[in-house]
Amino acid sequence: MPNMDPKKCPMPVQDPDVRNKNFSEVALGYTYDMAVNEAKRCLHCKNKPCVSGCPVGIDIPGFIAKVAEEDMEGAYQILSASSALPAVCGRVCPQENQCEGKCVRGIKTESVGIGRLERFVADWHREHCTEKPQMPVPNGHKVAVIGSGPSGLTAAGDLAKMGYKVTVYEALHTPGGVLVYGIPEFRLPKEIVRKEIEGLKEIGVDVETDVVIGRTLTIDELFDMGNEAVFIGSGAGLPRFMGIPGESLNGVYSANEFLTRINLMKAYKENAKTPIQHAKNVAIVGGGNVAMDAARCAKRLGAENVYIVYRRGMEELPARKEEVEHAVEEGIIFKTLSNPVEVLGDEKGYVKGMVCQEMELGEPDASGRRRPVAKEGCTFTLDVDCMVMSIGTSPNPLIRSTTPGLETNKHGCIITNGEDGLTTRNAVYAGGDAVTGAATVILAMGAGKSAAKAIDQYIKSKDQK
């Protein structure tokens, strides 16, 4: 019999007043019994609407049925057939807008906790399975992947399973891309990422770090090395700023730099060699997941007051609902309908305040959200000694500028012909944030999956000629 409880099983979490002072994972995960009970809430709808909401097409009712039957390894095998990073996706995917948003249970009650079950199954497999995955049979072809973030790792994993010899080239000293430099430890422990990457290495994926494509090697040189196709999954690491007075003052960070220092370089640890400002009052400009991550990190670094400054209202925040709720619980202060117009500095060139324009919402703009409009003559000053800009990123121009024939749009994003990711260069494919600009982990994974399929078809078609 299905479990008809109208609410999903709550996720055990650290107490807010404890967790906002440490970097340990906030969500503690389901117990075995919780997972089985939650899995029994699935109605196993005939048309499987949840699957249509998953960018990588996981057989969601299939893996959930295995959990309900207490066949956790069977559930993992179903998950891993479609997702290269299930332990990651279970933690950071915006399920409420994807699979869970399509769940029939969610029409009148709460949707099934699909993401929580995915996390449980992936963690259970990691803790209990000691068998090494079977090495795929080599097909004699080589493919290069640029970037070890979600799109690159997904493309690499799928291609390796097909028998390709895949080498992933990562510019930083640690693989994982945004999973290691962008997402904080308290949301995604780096040991989880490391284990997922180890799993890819066990099926033959090679990972070379400290290789900057466009400097260390060019794409043309990758072809000279015998690669028959190249996938670009280099992400969008170039930060944007507002262009307001005072942005060059000491104490103004991009969210990219702020989070990289904390997450990748472990600047929050006492013995860390990478410095970071331990500010008293911090303003984070923006309302997405990255802004929430930066705000919650600042709180854990010891800030007394952390403000989210966002030009629209709470209802328009693009961040995941859960991330906003966690931020509120941890004491983050939301200054919505506010837009920075100037950063104030002291005589030594350090941030001492931020002037904000009060806003109100007008008619909807092209995004469908109501457009923020300035309220004339209404400004206020926030006393802050640190400001973090989290208003988006764009792709680094290095690959574009060193690859003849590779076209990009006005935002610097690589132009592709659609779902398969083929660029304007023959046998060069791209996906993830390098194509879309900053987006979600799962959408990047979906792009990597589609490109891997297209690369396989392209190389097979060459063989048939």
Protein backbone atom coordinates (compact mmCIF):
# COMPACT_ATOMS: atom_id res chain seq x y z
CA MET A 1 0.00 0.00 0.00
CA PRO A 2 1.29 3.50 -0.81
CA ASN A 3 2.08 5.91 2.00
CA MET A 4 -0.58 8.63 1.68
CA ASP A 5 1.00 11.05 4.16
CA PRO A 6 0.36 14.52 2.62
CA LYS A 7 3.79 15.81 3.65
CA LYS A 8 7.20 14.51 2.64
CA CYS A 9 9.44 13.20 5.38
CA PRO A 10 11.31 16.21 6.83
CA MET A 11 15.05 16.35 6.25
CA PRO A 12 17.06 16.21 9.50
CA VAL A 13 19.32 19.30 9.70
CA GLN A 14 21.79 20.96 12.04
CA ASP A 15 20.30 23.55 14.39
CA PRO A 16 20.52 27.01 12.71
CA ASP A 17 22.39 28.63 15.63
CA VAL A 18 24.95 25.83 15.52
CA ARG A 19 25.41 25.44 11.78
CA ASN A 20 25.87 29.16 11.06
CA LYS A 21 29.17 28.90 12.92
CA ASN A 22 30.56 25.84 11.12
CA PHE A 23 31.10 24.56 7.57
CA SER A 24 29.78 21.03 8.16
CA GLU A 25 26.91 19.88 5.96
CA VAL A 26 23.59 21.43 6.98
CA ALA A 27 21.31 18.59 5.84
CA LEU A 28 22.07 15.35 7.66
CA GLY A 29 20.29 12.99 5.25
CA TYR A 30 17.49 10.48 5.60
CA THR A 31 17.83 7.38 7.73
CA TYR A 32 17.15 4.01 6.06
CA ASP A 33 13.60 3.85 7.44
CA MET A 34 12.87 7.44 6.43
CA ALA A 35 13.95 6.71 2.86
CA VAL A 36 11.84 3.56 2.57
CA ASN A 37 8.81 5.32 4.02
CA GLU A 38 9.20 8.33 1.71
CA ALA A 39 9.64 6.08 -1.32
CA LYS A 40 6.26 4.53 -0.58
CA ARG A 41 4.63 7.93 -1.15
CA CYS A 42 5.27 7.53 -4.90
CA LEU A 43 2.08 6.71 -6.82
CA HIS A 44 3.95 5.30 -9.85
CA CYS A 45 1.92 7.32 -12.31
CA LYS A 46 1.49 5.73 -15.73
CA ASN A 47 2.81 8.72 -17.68
CA LYS A 48 5.75 9.46 -15.29
CA PRO A 49 5.55 13.29 -15.30
CA CYS A 50 8.55 13.55 -12.95
CA VAL A 51 10.85 12.06 -15.62
CA SER A 52 9.91 14.81 -18.08
CA GLY A 53 11.11 17.34 -15.50
CA CYS A 54 14.58 15.76 -15.21
CA PRO A 55 17.20 17.20 -17.62
CA VAL A 56 19.10 13.88 -17.67
CA GLY A 57 16.01 11.66 -17.91
CA ILE A 58 16.44 9.52 -14.78
CA ASP A 59 13.88 6.71 -14.40
CA ILE A 60 12.61 8.28 -11.20
CA PRO A 61 9.68 5.91 -10.45
CA GLY A 62 12.02 2.98 -11.18
CA PHE A 63 14.68 3.94 -8.66
CA ILE A 64 12.08 4.94 -6.07
CA ALA A 65 10.34 1.56 -6.42
CA LYS A 66 13.66 -0.14 -5.64
CA VAL A 67 14.04 1.99 -2.50
CA ALA A 68 10.52 1.01 -1.40
CA GLU A 69 11.52 -2.64 -1.95
CA GLU A 70 14.71 -1.99 0.10
CA ASP A 71 16.90 -2.83 -2.91
CA MET A 72 19.25 0.13 -2.51
CA GLU A 73 21.92 -1.14 -4.89
CA GLY A 74 19.27 -1.74 -7.53
CA ALA A 75 18.09 1.83 -7.03
CA TYR A 76 21.66 3.10 -7.45
CA GLN A 77 22.13 1.18 -10.70
CA ILE A 78 19.02 2.83 -12.15
CA LEU A 79 20.23 6.26 -11.01
CA SER A 80 23.76 5.85 -12.30
CA ALA A 81 22.52 4.69 -15.72
CA SER A 82 21.42 8.28 -16.38
CA SER A 83 23.38 10.45 -13.93
CA ALA A 84 27.14 10.61 -13.53
CA LEU A 85 26.83 12.56 -10.26
CA PRO A 86 23.80 11.35 -8.25
CA ALA A 87 25.23 12.29 -4.83
CA VAL A 88 25.80 15.82 -6.13
CA CYS A 89 22.41 16.18 -7.81
CA GLY A 90 20.58 14.92 -4.75
CA ARG A 91 22.09 17.83 -2.84
CA VAL A 92 22.12 20.83 -5.18
CA CYS A 93 19.50 20.34 -7.92
CA PRO A 94 16.48 22.67 -7.86
CA GLN A 95 14.10 19.74 -7.66
CA GLU A 96 11.13 21.95 -6.81
CA ASN A 97 11.34 23.43 -10.32
CA GLN A 98 12.08 20.15 -12.07
CA CYS A 99 11.17 16.57 -11.14
CA GLU A 100 9.33 17.41 -7.91
CA GLY A 101 7.59 20.30 -9.64
CA LYS A 102 5.94 17.76 -11.97
CA CYS A 103 5.05 15.25 -9.23
CA VAL A 104 1.32 14.45 -9.11
CA ARG A 105 1.45 14.26 -5.30
CA GLY A 106 2.43 17.93 -5.34
CA ILE A 107 -0.88 19.06 -6.86
CA LYS A 108 -2.83 18.83 -3.61
CA THR A 109 -0.15 17.86 -1.08
CA GLU A 110 3.66 17.85 -1.00
CA SER A 111 5.58 16.19 -3.80
CA VAL A 112 7.62 13.05 -3.17
CA GLY A 113 11.11 13.94 -1.82
CA ILE A 114 12.86 12.79 -5.01
CA GLY A 115 16.07 14.73 -4.39
CA ARG A 116 16.33 13.48 -0.82
CA LEU A 117 15.89 9.90 -2.01
CA GLU A 118 18.50 10.36 -4.73
CA ARG A 119 20.95 11.64 -2.14
CA PHE A 120 20.18 8.73 0.21
CA VAL A 121 20.70 6.09 -2.49
CA ALA A 122 23.98 7.62 -3.70
CA ASP A 123 25.30 7.91 -0.15
CA TRP A 124 24.19 4.36 0.67
CA HIS A 125 26.08 3.04 -2.36
CA ARG A 126 29.22 4.97 -1.46
CA GLU A 127 29.17 3.67 2.10
CA HIS A 128 28.28 0.03 1.38
CA CYS A 129 29.52 -0.94 -2.08
CA THR A 130 33.14 -2.09 -2.34
CA GLU A 131 33.02 -3.52 -5.86
CA LYS A 132 34.92 -1.63 -8.55
CA PRO A 133 32.92 -0.75 -11.67
CA GLN A 134 33.63 -2.83 -14.76
CA MET A 135 36.05 -1.20 -17.20
CA PRO A 136 34.33 -0.56 -20.57
CA VAL A 137 35.70 -2.25 -23.68
CA PRO A 138 37.92 0.30 -25.55
CA ASN A 139 36.66 1.32 -28.99
CA GLY A 140 39.98 2.83 -30.13
CA HIS A 141 38.86 6.47 -30.27
CA LYS A 142 40.04 9.50 -28.23
CA VAL A 143 38.05 12.52 -27.08
CA ALA A 144 39.23 15.55 -25.08
CA VAL A 145 37.01 17.30 -22.53
CA ILE A 146 37.80 20.84 -21.38
CA GLY A 147 36.66 21.56 -17.83
CA SER A 148 35.86 19.19 -14.97
CA GLY A 149 32.61 20.77 -13.86
CA PRO A 150 29.21 19.07 -14.15
CA SER A 151 28.92 19.23 -17.94
CA GLY A 152 32.49 18.06 -18.54
CA LEU A 153 32.31 15.22 -16.03
CA THR A 154 28.98 14.03 -17.43
CA ALA A 155 30.23 14.07 -21.02
CA ALA A 156 33.44 12.30 -19.96
CA GLY A 157 31.57 9.63 -18.00
CA ASP A 158 29.08 8.88 -20.76
CA LEU A 159 31.81 8.72 -23.42
CA ALA A 160 33.99 6.48 -21.26
CA LYS A 161 31.09 4.06 -20.80
CA MET A 162 30.87 3.88 -24.61
CA GLY A 163 34.52 2.86 -24.80
CA TYR A 164 36.20 6.16 -25.64
CA LYS A 165 39.58 7.12 -24.21
CA VAL A 166 38.69 10.40 -22.52
CA THR A 167 41.04 12.98 -21.02
CA VAL A 168 39.60 15.84 -19.00
CA TYR A 169 41.67 19.03 -18.81
CA GLU A 170 41.13 21.22 -15.74
CA ALA A 171 42.65 24.69 -15.33
CA LEU A 172 42.69 24.61 -11.53
CA HIS A 173 44.73 22.31 -9.29
CA THR A 174 41.66 20.36 -8.12
CA PRO A 175 39.04 18.81 -10.42
CA GLY A 176 35.35 19.49 -9.96
CA GLY A 177 34.83 22.96 -11.44
CA VAL A 178 32.03 24.91 -9.82
CA LEU A 179 31.31 21.90 -7.58
CA VAL A 180 34.55 22.58 -5.69
CA TYR A 181 35.14 26.31 -6.09
CA GLY A 182 31.57 27.61 -6.12
CA ILE A 183 29.36 25.51 -3.84
CA PRO A 184 30.19 25.65 -0.11
CA GLU A 185 31.15 22.66 1.99
CA PHE A 186 27.99 22.99 4.09
CA ARG A 187 25.87 22.37 0.98
CA LEU A 188 28.11 19.97 -0.91
CA PRO A 189 30.99 18.32 0.97
CA LYS A 190 34.07 18.19 -1.25
CA GLU A 191 34.71 14.57 -0.28
CA ILE A 192 31.46 13.72 -2.10
CA VAL A 193 32.75 15.40 -5.27
CA ARG A 194 36.11 13.67 -4.95
CA LYS A 195 34.44 10.27 -4.66
CA GLU A 196 32.25 10.90 -7.71
CA ILE A 197 35.33 11.85 -9.74
CA GLU A 198 37.18 8.78 -8.49
CA GLY A 199 34.31 6.70 -9.82
CA LEU A 200 34.85 8.18 -13.29
CA LYS A 201 38.57 7.49 -13.10
CA GLU A 202 37.79 3.86 -12.29
CA ILE A 203 36.08 3.49 -15.68
CA GLY A 204 39.08 4.95 -17.50
CA VAL A 205 38.63 8.74 -17.48
CA ASP A 206 41.96 10.57 -17.18
CA VAL A 207 41.99 13.96 -15.44
CA GLU A 208 44.84 16.41 -15.97
CA THR A 209 44.86 19.46 -13.70
CA ASP A 210 46.74 22.77 -14.04
CA VAL A 211 46.13 22.77 -17.81
CA VAL A 212 44.75 26.07 -19.11
CA ILE A 213 43.31 25.54 -22.57
CA GLY A 214 44.28 28.57 -24.60
CA ARG A 215 47.62 28.87 -22.79
CA THR A 216 49.04 25.44 -21.88
CA LEU A 217 47.40 23.83 -24.91
CA THR A 218 45.06 25.04 -27.65
CA ILE A 219 42.08 23.19 -29.07
CA ASP A 220 43.97 22.74 -32.34
CA GLU A 221 46.79 21.08 -30.41
CA LEU A 222 44.28 18.72 -28.78
CA PHE A 223 43.34 17.52 -32.25
CA ASP A 224 47.03 17.19 -33.15
CA MET A 225 47.34 14.85 -30.14
CA GLY A 226 44.95 12.37 -31.76
CA ASN A 227 41.62 13.48 -30.30
CA GLU A 228 38.78 13.10 -32.79
CA ALA A 229 36.41 15.44 -30.99
CA VAL A 230 36.58 18.06 -28.25
CA PHE A 231 33.91 18.98 -25.71
CA ILE A 232 34.11 22.43 -24.09
CA GLY A 233 32.60 22.50 -20.61
CA SER A 234 34.71 25.34 -19.23
CA GLY A 235 31.90 27.08 -17.38
CA ALA A 236 31.30 30.77 -16.82
CA GLY A 237 33.90 32.09 -14.42
CA LEU A 238 34.16 35.74 -15.50
CA PRO A 239 32.41 37.89 -12.87
CA ARG A 240 30.16 40.84 -13.61
CA PHE A 241 30.11 44.14 -11.75
CA MET A 242 27.58 46.96 -11.71
CA GLY A 243 29.87 49.79 -12.78
CA ILE A 244 28.91 51.99 -9.82
CA PRO A 245 31.29 54.39 -8.01
CA GLY A 246 33.49 52.75 -5.39
CA GLU A 247 33.57 49.22 -6.80
CA SER A 248 37.39 49.28 -6.85
CA LEU A 249 37.67 49.84 -3.09
CA ASN A 250 39.36 47.27 -0.85
CA GLY A 251 36.73 44.93 0.55
CA VAL A 252 34.73 44.62 -2.67
CA TYR A 253 34.75 41.02 -3.96
CA SER A 254 33.13 39.21 -6.82
CA ALA A 255 31.19 36.21 -5.52
CA ASN A 256 33.49 34.07 -7.66
CA GLU A 257 36.62 35.24 -5.85
CA PHE A 258 34.96 35.22 -2.43
CA LEU A 259 33.66 31.66 -2.78
CA THR A 260 36.79 30.31 -4.48
CA ARG A 261 38.96 31.55 -1.62
CA ILE A 262 36.62 29.89 0.88
CA ASN A 263 35.60 26.67 -0.90
CA LEU A 264 38.62 25.71 -2.99
CA MET A 265 41.38 27.30 -0.92
CA LYS A 266 39.74 26.64 2.49
CA ALA A 267 40.29 30.21 3.67
CA TYR A 268 37.89 29.60 6.58
CA LYS A 269 40.39 27.30 8.28
CA GLU A 270 42.74 28.78 10.89
CA ASN A 271 45.87 27.53 9.13
CA ALA A 272 44.75 28.53 5.61
CA LYS A 273 47.41 30.19 3.46
CA THR A 274 44.82 32.01 1.35
CA PRO A 275 43.68 35.24 3.03
CA ILE A 276 40.11 36.45 3.21
CA GLN A 277 38.56 39.39 4.99
CA HIS A 278 36.75 38.54 8.22
CA ALA A 279 34.36 41.46 8.01
CA LYS A 280 31.95 42.68 10.66
CA ASN A 281 29.10 43.77 8.35
CA VAL A 282 28.75 42.28 4.86
CA ALA A 283 26.44 43.12 1.96
CA ILE A 284 25.82 40.52 -0.75
CA VAL A 285 24.35 42.01 -3.92
CA GLY A 286 22.08 39.57 -5.78
CA GLY A 287 19.36 37.02 -5.07
CA GLY A 288 20.40 33.73 -6.63
CA ASN A 289 21.87 30.56 -5.16
CA VAL A 290 25.37 32.01 -5.41
CA ALA A 291 24.29 35.03 -3.37
CA MET A 292 22.82 32.75 -0.69
CA ASP A 293 26.05 30.73 -0.63
CA ALA A 294 28.16 33.87 -0.24
CA ALA A 295 25.92 35.27 2.51
CA ARG A 296 25.91 32.04 4.50
CA CYS A 297 29.70 31.76 4.14
CA ALA A 298 30.15 35.32 5.39
CA LYS A 299 28.04 34.48 8.44
CA ARG A 300 30.22 31.43 9.15
CA LEU A 301 33.34 33.58 8.88
CA GLY A 302 32.06 35.52 11.90
CA ALA A 303 30.20 38.51 10.43
CA GLU A 304 27.74 40.07 12.87
CA ASN A 305 25.38 41.28 10.17
CA VAL A 306 25.03 39.86 6.66
CA TYR A 307 22.66 41.54 4.23
CA ILE A 308 21.21 40.22 0.97
CA VAL A 309 20.62 43.33 -1.13
CA TYR A 310 18.22 42.52 -3.98
CA ARG A 311 16.37 44.88 -6.27
CA ARG A 312 13.17 42.83 -6.42
CA GLY A 313 11.02 41.33 -3.63
CA MET A 314 11.22 38.07 -1.67
CA GLU A 315 8.75 36.41 -4.06
CA GLU A 316 11.04 37.11 -7.02
CA LEU A 317 14.23 35.69 -5.51
CA PRO A 318 15.67 33.23 -8.07
CA ALA A 319 17.44 31.14 -5.40
CA ARG A 320 16.10 27.73 -4.39
CA LYS A 321 13.35 27.96 -1.81
CA GLU A 322 15.31 25.72 0.57
CA GLU A 323 18.43 27.91 0.32
CA VAL A 324 16.40 31.04 1.12
CA GLU A 325 14.73 29.31 4.07
CA HIS A 326 18.10 28.15 5.42
CA ALA A 327 19.54 31.65 5.02
CA VAL A 328 16.64 33.19 6.95
CA GLU A 329 16.99 30.58 9.71
CA GLU A 330 20.72 31.33 9.98
CA GLY A 331 20.15 35.04 10.56
CA ILE A 332 20.78 36.51 7.10
CA ILE A 333 19.02 39.88 6.75
CA PHE A 334 17.14 40.49 3.49
CA LYS A 335 17.12 44.04 2.14
CA THR A 336 14.81 43.50 -0.82
CA LEU A 337 13.55 46.20 -3.19
CA SER A 338 16.96 47.81 -2.79
CA ASN A 339 19.63 48.50 -5.41
CA PRO A 340 23.22 49.67 -4.70
CA VAL A 341 24.18 52.94 -6.40
CA GLU A 342 27.52 53.72 -4.69
CA VAL A 343 30.14 52.10 -2.47
CA LEU A 344 31.58 54.42 0.17
CA GLY A 345 35.21 54.24 1.27
CA ASP A 346 37.32 55.52 4.16
CA GLU A 347 40.55 57.51 3.93
CA LYS A 348 42.58 54.31 3.52
CA GLY A 349 40.57 53.05 0.56
CA TYR A 350 38.50 50.43 2.38
CA VAL A 351 34.74 49.93 2.19
CA LYS A 352 32.79 51.66 4.94
CA GLY A 353 29.28 51.77 3.53
CA MET A 354 26.94 51.28 0.61
CA VAL A 355 24.31 53.71 -0.67
CA CYS A 356 21.14 51.94 -1.85
CA GLN A 357 18.23 53.13 -3.93
CA GLU A 358 14.79 52.01 -2.79
CA MET A 359 12.85 50.24 -5.54
CA GLU A 360 9.28 49.26 -6.33
CA LEU A 361 7.94 46.71 -8.78
CA GLY A 362 6.45 47.84 -12.07
CA GLU A 363 5.22 45.93 -15.11
CA PRO A 364 6.74 42.52 -16.01
CA ASP A 365 9.89 42.61 -18.16
CA ALA A 366 11.16 40.10 -20.76
CA SER A 367 11.92 37.57 -18.00
CA GLY A 368 8.28 37.58 -16.90
CA ARG A 369 9.15 39.07 -13.52
CA ARG A 370 7.93 42.52 -12.50
CA ARG A 371 10.55 45.12 -13.38
CA PRO A 372 12.17 47.03 -10.49
CA VAL A 373 11.69 50.80 -10.73
CA ALA A 374 13.57 53.38 -8.66
CA LYS A 375 11.58 55.35 -6.07
CA GLU A 376 12.71 58.90 -6.70
CA GLY A 377 14.52 60.55 -3.78
CA CYS A 378 14.46 57.44 -1.62
CA THR A 379 17.92 56.20 -0.69
CA PHE A 380 19.56 54.80 2.45
CA THR A 381 23.08 53.86 3.55
CA LEU A 382 24.13 50.47 4.88
CA ASP A 383 27.13 50.47 7.20
CA VAL A 384 29.22 47.62 5.80
CA ASP A 385 32.94 46.90 5.58
CA CYS A 386 32.68 44.23 2.87
CA MET A 387 30.62 43.95 -0.31
CA VAL A 388 30.24 40.86 -2.51
CA MET A 389 28.88 41.23 -6.04
CA SER A 390 26.74 38.25 -7.07
CA ILE A 391 24.92 39.46 -10.17
CA GLY A 392 26.04 36.79 -12.62
CA THR A 393 29.03 35.57 -14.58
CA SER A 394 29.97 35.02 -18.21
CA PRO A 395 32.43 32.65 -19.95
CA ASN A 396 36.14 33.49 -19.92
CA PRO A 397 37.15 34.71 -23.41
CA LEU A 398 40.47 32.78 -23.47
CA ILE A 399 39.23 29.70 -25.37
CA ARG A 400 37.28 31.82 -27.85
CA SER A 401 40.26 34.10 -28.53
CA THR A 402 42.65 31.19 -29.20
CA THR A 403 40.35 29.03 -31.32
CA PRO A 404 39.86 30.27 -34.91
CA GLY A 405 36.34 29.71 -36.18
CA LEU A 406 34.75 29.31 -32.75
CA GLU A 407 31.92 31.84 -32.61
CA THR A 408 30.32 33.34 -29.51
CA ASN A 409 27.36 35.63 -28.91
CA LYS A 410 27.42 39.16 -27.52
CA HIS A 411 27.63 37.78 -23.97
CA GLY A 412 30.71 35.68 -24.79
CA CYS A 413 28.74 32.41 -24.70
CA ILE A 414 29.73 29.77 -27.26
CA ILE A 415 27.21 29.41 -30.08
CA THR A 416 25.96 25.87 -30.71
CA ASN A 417 23.44 24.47 -33.17
CA GLY A 418 21.09 23.30 -30.45
CA GLU A 419 20.71 20.30 -28.19
CA ASP A 420 23.67 18.28 -29.50
CA GLY A 421 26.12 21.07 -28.65
CA LEU A 422 27.98 21.27 -31.98
CA THR A 423 29.78 24.62 -32.27
CA THR A 424 30.82 26.52 -35.38
CA ARG A 425 34.02 24.45 -35.43
CA ASN A 426 33.85 20.94 -36.86
CA ALA A 427 34.07 18.21 -34.20
CA VAL A 428 34.08 20.80 -31.39
CA TYR A 429 31.09 20.57 -29.05
CA ALA A 430 30.18 22.67 -26.02
CA GLY A 431 27.66 22.68 -23.19
CA GLY A 432 26.85 23.97 -19.73
CA ASP A 433 27.55 27.50 -18.55
CA ALA A 434 30.06 28.10 -21.39
CA VAL A 435 27.01 28.05 -23.69
CA THR A 436 24.13 29.27 -21.52
CA GLY A 437 25.90 31.53 -19.05
CA ALA A 438 25.54 30.75 -15.35
CA ALA A 439 22.79 28.15 -14.83
CA THR A 440 22.21 25.01 -12.74
CA VAL A 441 24.32 21.91 -12.22
CA ILE A 442 21.69 19.58 -13.64
CA LEU A 443 21.15 21.63 -16.80
CA ALA A 444 24.91 21.55 -17.39
CA MET A 445 24.84 17.78 -16.88
CA GLY A 446 22.00 17.45 -19.38
CA ALA A 447 24.06 19.39 -21.94
CA GLY A 448 27.08 17.15 -21.34
CA LYS A 449 24.91 14.07 -21.79
CA SER A 450 23.44 15.30 -25.08
CA ALA A 451 26.86 16.29 -26.42
CA ALA A 452 28.35 12.88 -25.54
CA LYS A 453 25.62 11.18 -27.58
CA ALA A 454 26.23 13.55 -30.51
CA ILE A 455 30.01 13.00 -30.36
CA ASP A 456 29.49 9.24 -30.43
CA GLN A 457 27.22 9.54 -33.47
CA TYR A 458 29.71 11.83 -35.23
CA ILE A 459 32.69 9.50 -34.72
CA LYS A 460 30.67 6.43 -35.70
CA SER A 461 29.55 8.19 -38.89
CA LYS A 462 33.20 8.90 -39.74
CA ASP A 463 33.99 5.19 -39.33
CA GLN A 464 31.25 4.25 -41.76
CA LYS A 465 32.61 6.46 -44.55
